[in-house]
Amino acid sequence: MPRADVNGISLYYESSGPSTGSGDDAIVFCHGAGGNHLSWWQQVPHFSKRYRCITIDHRGFGSSLDAENGPGASAFAEDLRGLLDTLGIERAFLVAQSMGGRTCMGFSAAYPGRVRGLVMCDTIGAMSDGSLDAAVAKSRETRPAATLDTGAYNPKLREERPSMAFLYDQIRALNPPRSPNQPSPDGKYVATTEKLAKFSMPVLFIAGSEDALVAPEVIHHASTLIPGARYAEVPRCGHSVYFEDAPAFNRILEDFLKSATGSAAK
């Protein structure tokens, strides 16, 4: 099994597609709290024809164990840096789902020059801004409270495509238990208002119109805090657009990648 000794742990990862050249066409997919590297089974076959696709198990998920009394999610961004260094990848596209936004946005805040493009799916990640905090608070006043157990995907998925809901739940069940008390990241990995205003890489936010965990209006507001950032909303999807409507998700992501690489005509 491919592993990288980074930041005090053995990080599990998989790499598919082209593996030569500068690494500029690498995409790192960072899963959410309800997933692991298997979550991207609908994306890797599609994008690995053109890009080097790297999927990981965050520390404490899948086959990546955290160190005893380890830092948990607060180390995600630095784990990613260690993996890219190990693989000899200087710059990469980062695709974050939910919790993975802490990884990718945190990494972007600390190492913006190493990010070729950032995609934030169903997440605001490690963003810190007063107006965004207000938007989050307002959304919580008008929406019923939801948890990962009740809001990981649109409940209609279980009714309309029970096999897909079952698969999501089975992938999630592969993760070991983890402590609910996750340390806050160092300020280096927090995307403050000032840092966000200086982002120069292409950025895309994707939201599900029925997301019960992170309201689409919150994600849309987050997109306005980064110059030139794009926003896409996918109808009839909950908190896991990449899983619930992979064709739409892949199409949106592919258009973004083509635009960012200047290969729209290819």
Protein backbone atom coordinates (compact mmCIF):
# COMPACT_ATOMS: atom_id res chain seq x y z
CA MET A 1 0.00 0.00 0.00
CA PRO A 2 1.39 3.46 -0.89
CA ARG A 3 2.34 5.39 2.22
CA ALA A 4 4.32 8.51 2.97
CA ASP A 5 6.07 9.14 6.26
CA VAL A 6 5.06 12.73 6.87
CA ASN A 7 4.66 14.93 9.91
CA GLY A 8 5.03 12.07 12.38
CA ILE A 9 2.56 9.63 10.79
CA SER A 10 2.32 7.13 7.95
CA LEU A 11 -0.12 8.78 5.56
CA TYR A 12 -2.02 6.52 3.16
CA TYR A 13 -2.49 7.83 -0.37
CA GLU A 14 -3.18 6.59 -3.89
CA SER A 15 -2.00 8.06 -7.17
CA SER A 16 -3.67 7.44 -10.55
CA GLY A 17 -3.02 8.77 -14.02
CA PRO A 18 0.05 10.51 -15.48
CA SER A 19 2.94 10.63 -13.02
CA THR A 20 5.70 12.34 -14.99
CA GLY A 21 6.55 15.95 -15.69
CA SER A 22 6.50 18.94 -13.37
CA GLY A 23 3.50 17.83 -11.35
CA ASP A 24 1.53 20.95 -12.33
CA ASP A 25 -1.34 18.76 -13.54
CA ALA A 26 -1.73 16.98 -10.21
CA ILE A 27 -5.05 17.09 -8.35
CA VAL A 28 -5.19 16.23 -4.67
CA PHE A 29 -8.67 15.21 -3.49
CA CYS A 30 -9.23 15.77 0.24
CA HIS A 31 -12.27 14.00 1.67
CA GLY A 32 -14.70 15.09 4.36
CA ALA A 33 -15.47 13.66 7.79
CA GLY A 34 -17.89 11.16 6.25
CA GLY A 35 -15.34 9.69 3.86
CA ASN A 36 -11.81 8.61 3.06
CA HIS A 37 -9.81 8.04 -0.13
CA LEU A 38 -12.55 5.71 -1.47
CA SER A 39 -15.05 8.58 -1.56
CA TRP A 40 -13.68 9.80 -4.89
CA TRP A 41 -14.50 6.64 -6.87
CA GLN A 42 -16.62 8.66 -9.31
CA GLN A 43 -13.94 11.31 -9.87
CA VAL A 44 -10.65 9.41 -10.21
CA PRO A 45 -11.62 7.34 -13.28
CA HIS A 46 -12.87 10.48 -14.99
CA PHE A 47 -9.99 12.86 -14.26
CA SER A 48 -7.07 10.42 -14.25
CA LYS A 49 -7.23 10.28 -18.06
CA ARG A 50 -5.76 13.78 -18.10
CA TYR A 51 -4.51 14.58 -14.61
CA ARG A 52 -2.51 12.87 -11.91
CA CYS A 53 -5.17 12.17 -9.28
CA ILE A 54 -4.03 11.79 -5.69
CA THR A 55 -6.45 10.68 -3.01
CA ILE A 56 -5.56 10.51 0.66
CA ASP A 57 -6.80 9.28 3.99
CA HIS A 58 -6.54 12.18 6.40
CA ARG A 59 -4.84 11.30 9.67
CA GLY A 60 -7.39 9.50 11.82
CA PHE A 61 -9.35 8.29 8.80
CA GLY A 62 -9.22 5.13 6.70
CA SER A 63 -5.73 3.65 6.83
CA SER A 64 -3.96 6.76 8.17
CA LEU A 65 -3.68 6.48 11.93
CA ASP A 66 -2.98 9.56 13.99
CA ALA A 67 -0.12 9.54 16.46
CA GLU A 68 -1.03 8.76 20.06
CA ASN A 69 -2.52 11.94 21.52
CA GLY A 70 -1.79 13.44 18.12
CA PRO A 71 -2.87 16.83 16.76
CA GLY A 72 -5.76 15.53 14.65
CA ALA A 73 -7.27 17.90 12.13
CA SER A 74 -5.01 20.76 13.16
CA ALA A 75 -2.17 18.96 11.32
CA PHE A 76 -4.05 18.31 8.06
CA ALA A 77 -2.51 21.18 6.10
CA GLU A 78 1.03 20.32 7.14
CA ASP A 79 0.39 16.65 6.34
CA LEU A 80 -0.52 17.75 2.82
CA ARG A 81 2.68 19.76 2.51
CA GLY A 82 4.70 16.74 3.57
CA LEU A 83 2.96 14.53 1.02
CA LEU A 84 3.54 16.97 -1.84
CA ASP A 85 7.20 17.26 -0.87
CA THR A 86 7.55 13.49 -0.75
CA LEU A 87 5.98 13.13 -4.19
CA GLY A 88 8.06 15.95 -5.66
CA ILE A 89 5.02 18.06 -6.50
CA GLU A 90 5.66 21.78 -6.22
CA ARG A 91 2.18 23.01 -7.25
CA ALA A 92 -1.14 21.20 -7.40
CA PHE A 93 -4.85 21.66 -7.78
CA LEU A 94 -6.63 21.06 -4.47
CA VAL A 95 -10.18 19.74 -4.29
CA ALA A 96 -11.71 19.83 -0.80
CA GLN A 97 -14.92 18.24 0.42
CA SER A 98 -16.42 19.49 3.69
CA MET A 99 -13.81 18.80 6.42
CA GLY A 100 -11.16 18.66 3.70
CA GLY A 101 -11.67 22.40 3.40
CA ARG A 102 -9.61 22.77 6.56
CA THR A 103 -6.81 20.98 4.76
CA CYS A 104 -6.94 22.78 1.44
CA MET A 105 -7.89 26.26 2.58
CA GLY A 106 -5.41 26.00 5.44
CA PHE A 107 -2.66 24.91 3.05
CA SER A 108 -3.59 27.73 0.66
CA ALA A 109 -3.37 30.26 3.48
CA ALA A 110 0.09 29.03 4.47
CA TYR A 111 1.54 28.19 1.05
CA PRO A 112 -0.45 30.09 -1.63
CA GLY A 113 2.36 29.79 -4.16
CA ARG A 114 2.00 26.01 -4.17
CA VAL A 115 -1.68 26.03 -5.14
CA ARG A 116 -2.48 26.02 -8.83
CA GLY A 117 -6.20 26.12 -8.19
CA LEU A 118 -8.48 25.64 -5.18
CA VAL A 119 -11.92 24.00 -5.21
CA MET A 120 -14.03 24.16 -2.06
CA CYS A 121 -16.97 21.75 -2.13
CA ASP A 122 -19.72 22.08 0.48
CA THR A 123 -17.32 23.88 2.81
CA ILE A 124 -15.87 27.18 3.96
CA GLY A 125 -12.93 25.38 5.54
CA ALA A 126 -10.42 27.42 7.52
CA MET A 127 -11.81 30.81 6.52
CA SER A 128 -12.02 33.53 9.15
CA ASP A 129 -13.99 36.68 8.37
CA GLY A 130 -16.49 38.69 10.42
CA SER A 131 -19.11 38.93 7.70
CA LEU A 132 -18.81 35.19 7.03
CA ASP A 133 -19.32 34.45 10.72
CA ALA A 134 -22.47 36.58 10.61
CA ALA A 135 -23.73 34.68 7.56
CA VAL A 136 -23.18 31.37 9.33
CA ALA A 137 -25.04 32.59 12.43
CA LYS A 138 -27.97 33.84 10.33
CA SER A 139 -28.26 30.54 8.47
CA ARG A 140 -28.39 28.63 11.74
CA GLU A 141 -31.35 30.74 12.86
CA THR A 142 -33.42 29.78 9.82
CA ARG A 143 -32.39 26.16 9.22
CA PRO A 144 -32.99 23.11 11.41
CA ALA A 145 -29.89 21.77 13.14
CA ALA A 146 -28.21 18.89 11.31
CA THR A 147 -25.33 16.53 11.98
CA LEU A 148 -23.20 14.30 9.79
CA ASP A 149 -25.58 11.46 10.65
CA THR A 150 -28.61 13.34 9.37
CA GLY A 151 -27.18 15.74 6.81
CA ALA A 152 -24.26 14.08 5.02
CA TYR A 153 -26.42 13.91 1.88
CA ASN A 154 -29.92 14.81 0.76
CA PRO A 155 -32.31 12.41 2.56
CA LYS A 156 -34.07 11.82 -0.75
CA LEU A 157 -30.97 9.93 -1.90
CA ARG A 158 -31.89 7.11 0.46
CA GLU A 159 -35.38 6.96 -1.06
CA GLU A 160 -34.51 7.42 -4.73
CA ARG A 161 -31.13 5.63 -4.91
CA PRO A 162 -30.81 3.48 -1.80
CA SER A 163 -27.74 1.67 -3.12
CA MET A 164 -25.83 4.95 -3.33
CA ALA A 165 -26.82 5.95 0.18
CA PHE A 166 -25.79 2.51 1.38
CA LEU A 167 -22.39 2.83 -0.32
CA TYR A 168 -21.77 6.23 1.25
CA ASP A 169 -22.58 4.86 4.69
CA GLN A 170 -20.35 1.82 4.16
CA ILE A 171 -17.37 3.96 3.11
CA ARG A 172 -17.87 6.15 6.15
CA ALA A 173 -18.05 3.10 8.42
CA LEU A 174 -14.48 2.15 7.45
CA ASN A 175 -13.12 5.08 9.44
CA PRO A 176 -11.85 4.45 12.98
CA PRO A 177 -13.40 6.35 15.90
CA ARG A 178 -11.83 9.74 16.52
CA SER A 179 -11.96 12.25 19.31
CA PRO A 180 -14.63 14.94 18.95
CA ASN A 181 -12.22 17.41 20.55
CA GLN A 182 -10.08 18.59 17.66
CA PRO A 183 -7.43 21.26 18.40
CA SER A 184 -7.66 24.52 16.51
CA PRO A 185 -5.05 25.02 13.77
CA ASP A 186 -2.15 27.39 14.17
CA GLY A 187 -2.86 30.88 12.86
CA LYS A 188 -0.54 30.17 9.93
CA TYR A 189 -3.25 27.88 8.52
CA VAL A 190 -6.19 30.24 9.00
CA ALA A 191 -7.40 32.09 5.92
CA THR A 192 -8.09 35.53 7.34
CA THR A 193 -9.85 38.32 5.50
CA GLU A 194 -6.49 39.84 4.64
CA LYS A 195 -5.06 36.60 3.28
CA LEU A 196 -8.19 35.85 1.25
CA ALA A 197 -8.03 39.25 -0.42
CA LYS A 198 -4.52 38.43 -1.66
CA PHE A 199 -5.31 35.01 -3.14
CA SER A 200 -4.23 35.00 -6.78
CA MET A 201 -4.92 31.36 -7.67
CA PRO A 202 -8.20 30.39 -9.38
CA VAL A 203 -10.82 29.45 -6.78
CA LEU A 204 -14.17 27.69 -7.14
CA PHE A 205 -16.86 27.06 -4.54
CA ILE A 206 -19.46 24.34 -5.13
CA ALA A 207 -22.64 24.00 -3.06
CA GLY A 208 -25.63 21.70 -2.97
CA SER A 209 -28.94 23.57 -3.00
CA GLU A 210 -30.30 21.31 -0.24
CA ASP A 211 -27.20 21.26 1.98
CA ALA A 212 -28.36 20.96 5.60
CA LEU A 213 -24.88 21.32 7.12
CA VAL A 214 -23.45 24.34 5.30
CA ALA A 215 -26.11 26.54 3.74
CA PRO A 216 -25.49 27.43 0.08
CA GLU A 217 -25.91 31.13 0.86
CA VAL A 218 -23.01 30.82 3.31
CA ILE A 219 -20.79 29.21 0.69
CA HIS A 220 -21.83 31.84 -1.84
CA HIS A 221 -20.88 34.57 0.62
CA ALA A 222 -17.52 32.89 1.17
CA SER A 223 -16.89 33.06 -2.57
CA THR A 224 -17.28 36.85 -2.53
CA LEU A 225 -14.35 37.21 -0.15
CA ILE A 226 -11.79 36.03 -2.72
CA PRO A 227 -11.12 38.14 -5.82
CA GLY A 228 -12.37 36.39 -8.96
CA ALA A 229 -13.65 33.31 -7.14
CA ARG A 230 -16.44 31.37 -8.86
CA TYR A 231 -19.56 29.87 -7.33
CA ALA A 232 -21.63 26.96 -8.62
CA GLU A 233 -24.78 25.54 -7.04
CA VAL A 234 -26.09 22.09 -7.93
CA PRO A 235 -29.83 21.53 -7.53
CA ARG A 236 -31.37 18.63 -5.57
CA CYS A 237 -28.07 17.87 -3.82
CA GLY A 238 -27.26 17.96 -0.14
CA HIS A 239 -23.87 18.15 1.55
CA SER A 240 -22.07 15.73 -0.80
CA VAL A 241 -22.47 17.02 -4.35
CA TYR A 242 -19.45 15.02 -5.57
CA PHE A 243 -21.20 11.81 -4.48
CA GLU A 244 -24.86 12.63 -5.09
CA ASP A 245 -24.54 14.06 -8.60
CA ALA A 246 -21.11 13.08 -9.89
CA PRO A 247 -21.84 13.94 -13.56
CA ALA A 248 -22.73 17.54 -12.64
CA PHE A 249 -19.84 17.82 -10.20
CA ASN A 250 -17.32 16.43 -12.67
CA ARG A 251 -18.54 18.74 -15.40
CA ILE A 252 -18.20 21.82 -13.18
CA LEU A 253 -14.77 20.76 -11.98
CA GLU A 254 -13.58 19.92 -15.50
CA ASP A 255 -14.62 23.34 -16.80
CA PHE A 256 -12.75 24.98 -13.95
CA LEU A 257 -9.60 22.94 -14.56
CA LYS A 258 -9.65 23.65 -18.28
CA SER A 259 -10.02 27.35 -17.62
CA ALA A 260 -7.22 27.32 -15.07
CA THR A 261 -4.85 25.45 -17.38
CA GLY A 262 -5.79 27.41 -20.48
CA SER A 263 -6.80 24.18 -22.24
CA ALA A 264 -10.46 24.89 -22.92
CA ALA A 265 -9.89 24.39 -26.62
CA LYS A 266 -8.26 20.97 -26.25
